[in-house]
Amino acid sequence: MKIILTHEVSGLGTAGDVVDVRDGYARNYLVPRGFAIRWTKGGEKDVEQIRRGRKIREIASVEQANEIKGQLEGVKVKLAVRAGDAGRLFGSVTPADVASAIKAAGGPDVDKRRVELGSPIKTLGAHQVSVRLHSDVVAKLGVEVVAA
């Protein structure tokens, strides 16, 4: 089945790419989660719009990505969330929460889609978070989760 990716999918492609995948993978995983749309002749307009949006958000060069990485690694991020007595959170910390905490701490504006948590953050304390700035540049960031 031919599909148009609307988000970056690891091992498959980036937003705006037209790829062939198995029918079940597209029908049961990619399309319902909003990672892709079915390819049509009219979908070419969508592809151009997705690519234009990606170029606006994209970091242009490796040098620029390394500069932003240096800024990120110098920022102390503290995130206050609701937690119970045993230190477990009510819910979990999302990539959007981390992106807004970076901005609030005086760091650069980071797209929430670039924040990779690894495993869900559901406890108080210090956690390691990755921010994929470029295909070759990944910034490691320490996030301290405290009770609100």
N, C-alpha and C. Protein backbone atom coordinates (compact mmCIF):
# COMPACT_ATOMS: atom_id res chain seq x y z
N MET A 1 0.85 -1.17 0.00
CA MET A 1 0.00 0.00 0.00
C MET A 1 0.90 1.24 0.00
N LYS A 2 0.55 2.21 -0.79
CA LYS A 2 1.30 3.46 -0.87
C LYS A 2 0.68 4.45 0.12
N ILE A 3 1.55 5.04 0.98
CA ILE A 3 1.08 6.01 1.97
C ILE A 3 1.99 7.23 1.97
N ILE A 4 1.47 8.31 2.56
CA ILE A 4 2.23 9.55 2.74
C ILE A 4 2.44 9.71 4.24
N LEU A 5 3.69 9.78 4.67
CA LEU A 5 3.99 9.94 6.09
C LEU A 5 3.70 11.38 6.52
N THR A 6 3.02 11.54 7.65
CA THR A 6 2.75 12.86 8.19
C THR A 6 3.66 13.19 9.37
N HIS A 7 4.33 12.18 9.92
CA HIS A 7 5.29 12.34 11.01
C HIS A 7 6.51 11.49 10.70
N GLU A 8 7.59 11.74 11.40
CA GLU A 8 8.79 10.91 11.24
C GLU A 8 8.54 9.56 11.89
N VAL A 9 8.79 8.49 11.15
CA VAL A 9 8.65 7.13 11.66
C VAL A 9 10.02 6.47 11.57
N SER A 10 10.50 6.02 12.70
CA SER A 10 11.84 5.44 12.77
C SER A 10 11.94 4.22 11.85
N GLY A 11 12.96 4.21 11.00
CA GLY A 11 13.18 3.09 10.10
C GLY A 11 12.35 3.12 8.83
N LEU A 12 11.49 4.12 8.69
CA LEU A 12 10.62 4.18 7.52
C LEU A 12 10.83 5.45 6.72
N GLY A 13 10.86 6.60 7.38
CA GLY A 13 11.07 7.86 6.66
C GLY A 13 10.63 9.04 7.49
N THR A 14 10.67 10.20 6.86
CA THR A 14 10.29 11.43 7.54
C THR A 14 8.99 11.97 6.95
N ALA A 15 8.47 13.01 7.57
CA ALA A 15 7.21 13.58 7.14
C ALA A 15 7.30 14.06 5.70
N GLY A 16 6.30 13.73 4.90
CA GLY A 16 6.25 14.13 3.51
C GLY A 16 6.74 13.06 2.55
N ASP A 17 7.34 11.99 3.07
CA ASP A 17 7.82 10.92 2.20
C ASP A 17 6.66 10.03 1.76
N VAL A 18 6.72 9.58 0.52
CA VAL A 18 5.75 8.61 0.00
C VAL A 18 6.44 7.26 -0.01
N VAL A 19 5.88 6.29 0.75
CA VAL A 19 6.52 4.99 0.90
C VAL A 19 5.51 3.87 0.67
N ASP A 20 6.03 2.70 0.30
CA ASP A 20 5.22 1.49 0.17
C ASP A 20 5.41 0.65 1.43
N VAL A 21 4.31 0.27 2.08
CA VAL A 21 4.36 -0.60 3.24
C VAL A 21 3.29 -1.68 3.08
N ARG A 22 3.36 -2.68 3.93
CA ARG A 22 2.34 -3.73 3.90
C ARG A 22 0.99 -3.16 4.31
N ASP A 23 -0.06 -3.74 3.75
CA ASP A 23 -1.42 -3.23 4.00
C ASP A 23 -1.77 -3.21 5.48
N GLY A 24 -1.47 -4.27 6.20
CA GLY A 24 -1.83 -4.36 7.61
C GLY A 24 -1.10 -3.33 8.46
N TYR A 25 0.17 -3.09 8.17
CA TYR A 25 0.95 -2.12 8.91
C TYR A 25 0.36 -0.72 8.74
N ALA A 26 -0.02 -0.40 7.52
CA ALA A 26 -0.62 0.91 7.26
C ALA A 26 -2.01 1.00 7.88
N ARG A 27 -2.83 0.01 7.65
CA ARG A 27 -4.22 0.04 8.08
C ARG A 27 -4.38 -0.05 9.60
N ASN A 28 -3.54 -0.84 10.27
CA ASN A 28 -3.71 -1.08 11.70
C ASN A 28 -2.82 -0.22 12.59
N TYR A 29 -1.73 0.31 12.06
CA TYR A 29 -0.82 1.07 12.92
C TYR A 29 -0.62 2.52 12.47
N LEU A 30 -0.14 2.71 11.25
CA LEU A 30 0.26 4.05 10.81
C LEU A 30 -0.92 5.01 10.65
N VAL A 31 -1.96 4.60 9.95
CA VAL A 31 -3.09 5.49 9.68
C VAL A 31 -3.89 5.79 10.95
N PRO A 32 -4.26 4.79 11.78
CA PRO A 32 -5.04 5.12 12.98
C PRO A 32 -4.31 6.04 13.97
N ARG A 33 -2.99 5.95 14.04
CA ARG A 33 -2.23 6.78 14.98
C ARG A 33 -1.88 8.15 14.39
N GLY A 34 -2.24 8.38 13.14
CA GLY A 34 -1.99 9.68 12.52
C GLY A 34 -0.58 9.86 12.00
N PHE A 35 0.19 8.77 11.89
CA PHE A 35 1.54 8.86 11.36
C PHE A 35 1.55 8.92 9.84
N ALA A 36 0.45 8.55 9.20
CA ALA A 36 0.41 8.52 7.74
C ALA A 36 -1.02 8.69 7.26
N ILE A 37 -1.14 9.06 5.97
CA ILE A 37 -2.43 9.09 5.30
C ILE A 37 -2.30 8.27 4.01
N ARG A 38 -3.41 7.80 3.51
CA ARG A 38 -3.39 7.02 2.27
C ARG A 38 -2.98 7.92 1.10
N TRP A 39 -2.22 7.36 0.18
CA TRP A 39 -1.77 8.11 -0.97
C TRP A 39 -2.88 8.20 -2.00
N THR A 40 -3.12 9.40 -2.51
CA THR A 40 -4.05 9.63 -3.61
C THR A 40 -3.41 10.63 -4.55
N LYS A 41 -3.98 10.77 -5.73
CA LYS A 41 -3.45 11.77 -6.66
C LYS A 41 -3.60 13.17 -6.09
N GLY A 42 -4.68 13.42 -5.39
CA GLY A 42 -4.89 14.72 -4.76
C GLY A 42 -4.00 14.92 -3.54
N GLY A 43 -3.42 13.84 -3.05
CA GLY A 43 -2.56 13.91 -1.88
C GLY A 43 -1.23 14.57 -2.14
N GLU A 44 -0.89 14.81 -3.40
CA GLU A 44 0.37 15.47 -3.72
C GLU A 44 0.42 16.89 -3.14
N LYS A 45 -0.75 17.56 -3.07
CA LYS A 45 -0.81 18.87 -2.44
C LYS A 45 -0.47 18.75 -0.96
N ASP A 46 -0.98 17.70 -0.32
CA ASP A 46 -0.68 17.46 1.09
C ASP A 46 0.81 17.24 1.30
N VAL A 47 1.44 16.50 0.37
CA VAL A 47 2.87 16.23 0.49
C VAL A 47 3.66 17.53 0.47
N GLU A 48 3.32 18.43 -0.43
CA GLU A 48 4.04 19.71 -0.51
C GLU A 48 3.83 20.54 0.75
N GLN A 49 2.62 20.54 1.29
CA GLN A 49 2.33 21.30 2.50
C GLN A 49 3.10 20.71 3.69
N ILE A 50 3.17 19.40 3.79
CA ILE A 50 3.90 18.74 4.87
C ILE A 50 5.39 19.07 4.76
N ARG A 51 5.92 19.03 3.55
CA ARG A 51 7.35 19.32 3.35
C ARG A 51 7.68 20.77 3.70
N ARG A 52 6.78 21.70 3.35
CA ARG A 52 7.02 23.11 3.69
C ARG A 52 7.02 23.30 5.20
N GLY A 53 6.08 22.66 5.88
CA GLY A 53 6.04 22.74 7.35
C GLY A 53 7.26 22.12 7.99
N ARG A 54 7.76 21.02 7.41
CA ARG A 54 8.95 20.37 7.94
C ARG A 54 10.18 21.25 7.77
N LYS A 55 10.28 21.95 6.62
CA LYS A 55 11.43 22.83 6.39
C LYS A 55 11.47 23.97 7.39
N ILE A 56 10.31 24.46 7.79
CA ILE A 56 10.25 25.56 8.75
C ILE A 56 10.76 25.09 10.11
N ARG A 57 10.35 23.89 10.54
CA ARG A 57 10.74 23.37 11.85
C ARG A 57 12.12 22.74 11.85
N GLU A 58 12.63 22.38 10.68
CA GLU A 58 13.87 21.64 10.58
C GLU A 58 15.09 22.49 10.92
N ILE A 59 16.03 21.86 11.56
CA ILE A 59 17.30 22.52 11.84
C ILE A 59 18.16 22.33 10.61
N ALA A 60 18.68 23.43 10.07
CA ALA A 60 19.28 23.44 8.74
C ALA A 60 20.57 22.64 8.63
N SER A 61 21.47 22.76 9.60
CA SER A 61 22.78 22.14 9.42
C SER A 61 23.25 21.47 10.71
N VAL A 62 24.29 20.70 10.58
CA VAL A 62 24.88 20.02 11.74
C VAL A 62 25.49 21.04 12.69
N GLU A 63 26.08 22.10 12.15
CA GLU A 63 26.68 23.14 12.99
C GLU A 63 25.62 23.81 13.86
N GLN A 64 24.49 24.12 13.26
CA GLN A 64 23.40 24.73 14.01
C GLN A 64 22.88 23.76 15.06
N ALA A 65 22.78 22.48 14.73
CA ALA A 65 22.32 21.47 15.68
C ALA A 65 23.30 21.35 16.85
N ASN A 66 24.60 21.39 16.57
CA ASN A 66 25.59 21.32 17.64
C ASN A 66 25.53 22.55 18.55
N GLU A 67 25.24 23.70 17.96
CA GLU A 67 25.09 24.92 18.75
C GLU A 67 23.90 24.81 19.70
N ILE A 68 22.78 24.32 19.20
CA ILE A 68 21.59 24.14 20.02
C ILE A 68 21.84 23.06 21.08
N LYS A 69 22.60 22.03 20.72
CA LYS A 69 22.95 20.97 21.67
C LYS A 69 23.72 21.56 22.85
N GLY A 70 24.68 22.44 22.57
CA GLY A 70 25.43 23.09 23.63
C GLY A 70 24.54 23.92 24.55
N GLN A 71 23.57 24.61 23.97
CA GLN A 71 22.63 25.39 24.77
C GLN A 71 21.76 24.48 25.64
N LEU A 72 21.30 23.37 25.07
CA LEU A 72 20.43 22.45 25.81
C LEU A 72 21.16 21.80 26.98
N GLU A 73 22.40 21.38 26.75
CA GLU A 73 23.12 20.68 27.80
C GLU A 73 23.53 21.61 28.93
N GLY A 74 23.47 22.92 28.72
CA GLY A 74 23.77 23.87 29.77
C GLY A 74 22.56 24.28 30.59
N VAL A 75 21.38 23.83 30.23
CA VAL A 75 20.14 24.23 30.89
C VAL A 75 19.79 23.22 31.99
N LYS A 76 19.42 23.73 33.16
CA LYS A 76 18.93 22.89 34.26
C LYS A 76 17.40 22.89 34.18
N VAL A 77 16.83 21.74 33.88
CA VAL A 77 15.38 21.65 33.71
C VAL A 77 14.77 21.02 34.95
N LYS A 78 13.83 21.73 35.55
CA LYS A 78 13.11 21.24 36.72
C LYS A 78 11.63 21.25 36.37
N LEU A 79 10.97 20.13 36.58
CA LEU A 79 9.58 19.96 36.18
C LEU A 79 8.75 19.63 37.42
N ALA A 80 7.81 20.48 37.78
CA ALA A 80 6.95 20.25 38.95
C ALA A 80 5.65 19.61 38.49
N VAL A 81 5.37 18.42 39.05
CA VAL A 81 4.15 17.69 38.70
C VAL A 81 3.49 17.17 39.97
N ARG A 82 2.23 16.81 39.86
CA ARG A 82 1.51 16.25 41.00
C ARG A 82 1.97 14.83 41.24
N ALA A 83 2.22 14.51 42.51
CA ALA A 83 2.70 13.18 42.86
C ALA A 83 2.07 12.73 44.17
N GLY A 84 2.04 11.41 44.38
CA GLY A 84 1.52 10.83 45.61
C GLY A 84 2.60 10.77 46.68
N ASP A 85 2.25 10.16 47.82
CA ASP A 85 3.17 10.09 48.95
C ASP A 85 4.40 9.23 48.65
N ALA A 86 4.25 8.18 47.88
CA ALA A 86 5.35 7.25 47.62
C ALA A 86 6.27 7.74 46.50
N GLY A 87 6.02 8.92 45.96
CA GLY A 87 6.88 9.44 44.90
C GLY A 87 6.43 9.06 43.50
N ARG A 88 5.28 8.43 43.38
CA ARG A 88 4.75 8.09 42.05
C ARG A 88 3.87 9.23 41.56
N LEU A 89 3.96 9.50 40.27
CA LEU A 89 3.21 10.60 39.68
C LEU A 89 1.78 10.21 39.39
N PHE A 90 0.90 11.19 39.39
CA PHE A 90 -0.46 11.00 38.91
C PHE A 90 -0.41 11.19 37.41
N GLY A 91 -0.27 10.11 36.65
CA GLY A 91 -0.07 10.19 35.21
C GLY A 91 1.40 10.01 34.91
N SER A 92 1.88 10.69 33.88
CA SER A 92 3.29 10.61 33.53
C SER A 92 3.71 11.91 32.85
N VAL A 93 5.02 12.08 32.72
CA VAL A 93 5.58 13.25 32.06
C VAL A 93 5.61 12.98 30.55
N THR A 94 5.10 13.90 29.76
CA THR A 94 5.05 13.74 28.31
C THR A 94 6.16 14.55 27.64
N PRO A 95 6.46 14.24 26.38
CA PRO A 95 7.45 15.05 25.65
C PRO A 95 7.05 16.53 25.56
N ALA A 96 5.76 16.82 25.48
CA ALA A 96 5.30 18.21 25.44
C ALA A 96 5.62 18.91 26.76
N ASP A 97 5.48 18.20 27.89
CA ASP A 97 5.83 18.78 29.19
C ASP A 97 7.31 19.13 29.25
N VAL A 98 8.15 18.22 28.75
CA VAL A 98 9.59 18.45 28.76
C VAL A 98 9.95 19.63 27.86
N ALA A 99 9.34 19.70 26.66
CA ALA A 99 9.63 20.81 25.74
C ALA A 99 9.24 22.15 26.34
N SER A 100 8.09 22.22 27.01
CA SER A 100 7.69 23.49 27.63
C SER A 100 8.56 23.82 28.83
N ALA A 101 9.04 22.81 29.57
CA ALA A 101 9.93 23.06 30.71
C ALA A 101 11.29 23.58 30.24
N ILE A 102 11.77 23.09 29.10
CA ILE A 102 13.04 23.58 28.53
C ILE A 102 12.89 25.05 28.18
N LYS A 103 11.79 25.40 27.55
CA LYS A 103 11.53 26.79 27.16
C LYS A 103 11.43 27.68 28.41
N ALA A 104 10.73 27.18 29.45
CA ALA A 104 10.55 27.96 30.68
C ALA A 104 11.87 28.14 31.44
N ALA A 105 12.80 27.18 31.29
CA ALA A 105 14.09 27.27 31.98
C ALA A 105 15.07 28.17 31.25
N GLY A 106 14.65 28.76 30.14
CA GLY A 106 15.52 29.67 29.41
C GLY A 106 16.28 29.00 28.28
N GLY A 107 15.92 27.79 27.94
CA GLY A 107 16.57 27.08 26.84
C GLY A 107 15.95 27.42 25.50
N PRO A 108 16.49 26.85 24.45
CA PRO A 108 15.93 27.11 23.11
C PRO A 108 14.58 26.44 22.93
N ASP A 109 13.81 26.93 21.98
CA ASP A 109 12.50 26.36 21.68
C ASP A 109 12.71 25.03 20.97
N VAL A 110 12.18 23.94 21.55
CA VAL A 110 12.36 22.59 21.02
C VAL A 110 11.00 22.03 20.65
N ASP A 111 10.91 21.42 19.48
CA ASP A 111 9.68 20.78 19.04
C ASP A 111 9.46 19.53 19.87
N LYS A 112 8.23 19.33 20.35
CA LYS A 112 7.94 18.18 21.21
C LYS A 112 8.16 16.85 20.49
N ARG A 113 8.09 16.84 19.17
CA ARG A 113 8.29 15.60 18.42
C ARG A 113 9.74 15.15 18.44
N ARG A 114 10.65 16.04 18.79
CA ARG A 114 12.07 15.72 18.83
C ARG A 114 12.52 15.19 20.19
N VAL A 115 11.66 15.30 21.21
CA VAL A 115 12.00 14.83 22.56
C VAL A 115 11.70 13.34 22.66
N GLU A 116 12.72 12.56 23.06
CA GLU A 116 12.57 11.11 23.21
C GLU A 116 12.79 10.75 24.67
N LEU A 117 11.75 10.18 25.29
CA LEU A 117 11.83 9.86 26.71
C LEU A 117 12.44 8.48 26.96
N GLY A 118 12.40 7.58 26.02
CA GLY A 118 12.86 6.22 26.25
C GLY A 118 11.73 5.42 26.88
N SER A 119 11.61 5.48 28.19
CA SER A 119 10.48 4.86 28.89
C SER A 119 9.69 5.97 29.57
N PRO A 120 8.41 5.76 29.82
CA PRO A 120 7.60 6.82 30.44
C PRO A 120 8.14 7.21 31.82
N ILE A 121 8.13 8.49 32.10
CA ILE A 121 8.58 9.00 33.39
C ILE A 121 7.39 9.03 34.33
N LYS A 122 7.40 8.16 35.36
CA LYS A 122 6.28 8.05 36.28
C LYS A 122 6.69 8.20 37.74
N THR A 123 7.96 8.58 37.99
CA THR A 123 8.43 8.74 39.37
C THR A 123 9.16 10.07 39.52
N LEU A 124 9.28 10.51 40.77
CA LEU A 124 10.04 11.71 41.06
C LEU A 124 11.53 11.41 40.97
N GLY A 125 12.34 12.45 40.79
CA GLY A 125 13.79 12.28 40.76
C GLY A 125 14.39 12.75 39.46
N ALA A 126 15.66 12.41 39.26
CA ALA A 126 16.39 12.82 38.06
C ALA A 126 16.23 11.77 36.96
N HIS A 127 15.97 12.22 35.76
CA HIS A 127 15.78 11.34 34.61
C HIS A 127 16.58 11.87 33.43
N GLN A 128 16.98 10.97 32.55
CA GLN A 128 17.75 11.33 31.35
C GLN A 128 16.80 11.36 30.15
N VAL A 129 16.85 12.42 29.37
CA VAL A 129 15.99 12.61 28.21
C VAL A 129 16.88 12.92 27.01
N SER A 130 16.52 12.38 25.84
CA SER A 130 17.25 12.67 24.60
C SER A 130 16.44 13.63 23.74
N VAL A 131 17.13 14.53 23.07
CA VAL A 131 16.48 15.43 22.12
C VAL A 131 17.21 15.25 20.79
N ARG A 132 16.50 14.71 19.80
CA ARG A 132 17.10 14.47 18.48
C ARG A 132 16.97 15.74 17.65
N LEU A 133 18.08 16.47 17.55
CA LEU A 133 18.10 17.75 16.85
C LEU A 133 18.33 17.61 15.36
N HIS A 134 19.09 16.60 14.98
CA HIS A 134 19.45 16.36 13.59
C HIS A 134 19.65 14.86 13.48
N SER A 135 19.72 14.34 12.28
CA SER A 135 19.90 12.89 12.13
C SER A 135 21.21 12.42 12.76
N ASP A 136 22.21 13.31 12.86
CA ASP A 136 23.51 12.95 13.42
C ASP A 136 23.74 13.51 14.83
N VAL A 137 22.87 14.38 15.32
CA VAL A 137 23.10 15.07 16.59
C VAL A 137 21.97 14.79 17.57
N VAL A 138 22.35 14.22 18.72
CA VAL A 138 21.39 13.95 19.79
C VAL A 138 21.92 14.59 21.07
N ALA A 139 21.09 15.41 21.71
CA ALA A 139 21.48 16.06 22.96
C ALA A 139 20.91 15.26 24.13
N LYS A 140 21.75 14.98 25.12
CA LYS A 140 21.31 14.32 26.35
C LYS A 140 21.03 15.42 27.38
N LEU A 141 19.89 15.31 28.02
CA LEU A 141 19.43 16.37 28.91
C LEU A 141 18.97 15.74 30.22
N GLY A 142 19.38 16.32 31.34
CA GLY A 142 18.91 15.87 32.65
C GLY A 142 17.67 16.63 33.05
N VAL A 143 16.63 15.91 33.42
CA VAL A 143 15.38 16.53 33.84
C VAL A 143 15.10 16.08 35.27
N GLU A 144 14.91 17.04 36.17
CA GLU A 144 14.58 16.72 37.54
C GLU A 144 13.08 16.89 37.74
N VAL A 145 12.42 15.82 38.15
CA VAL A 145 10.98 15.84 38.37
C VAL A 145 10.76 15.98 39.87
N VAL A 146 10.05 17.06 40.27
CA VAL A 146 9.78 17.32 41.68
C VAL A 146 8.27 17.40 41.90
N ALA A 147 7.86 17.18 43.14
CA ALA A 147 6.43 17.25 43.48
C ALA A 147 5.96 18.69 43.50
N ALA A 148 4.77 18.91 42.98
CA ALA A 148 4.21 20.27 42.94
C ALA A 148 3.58 20.63 44.25
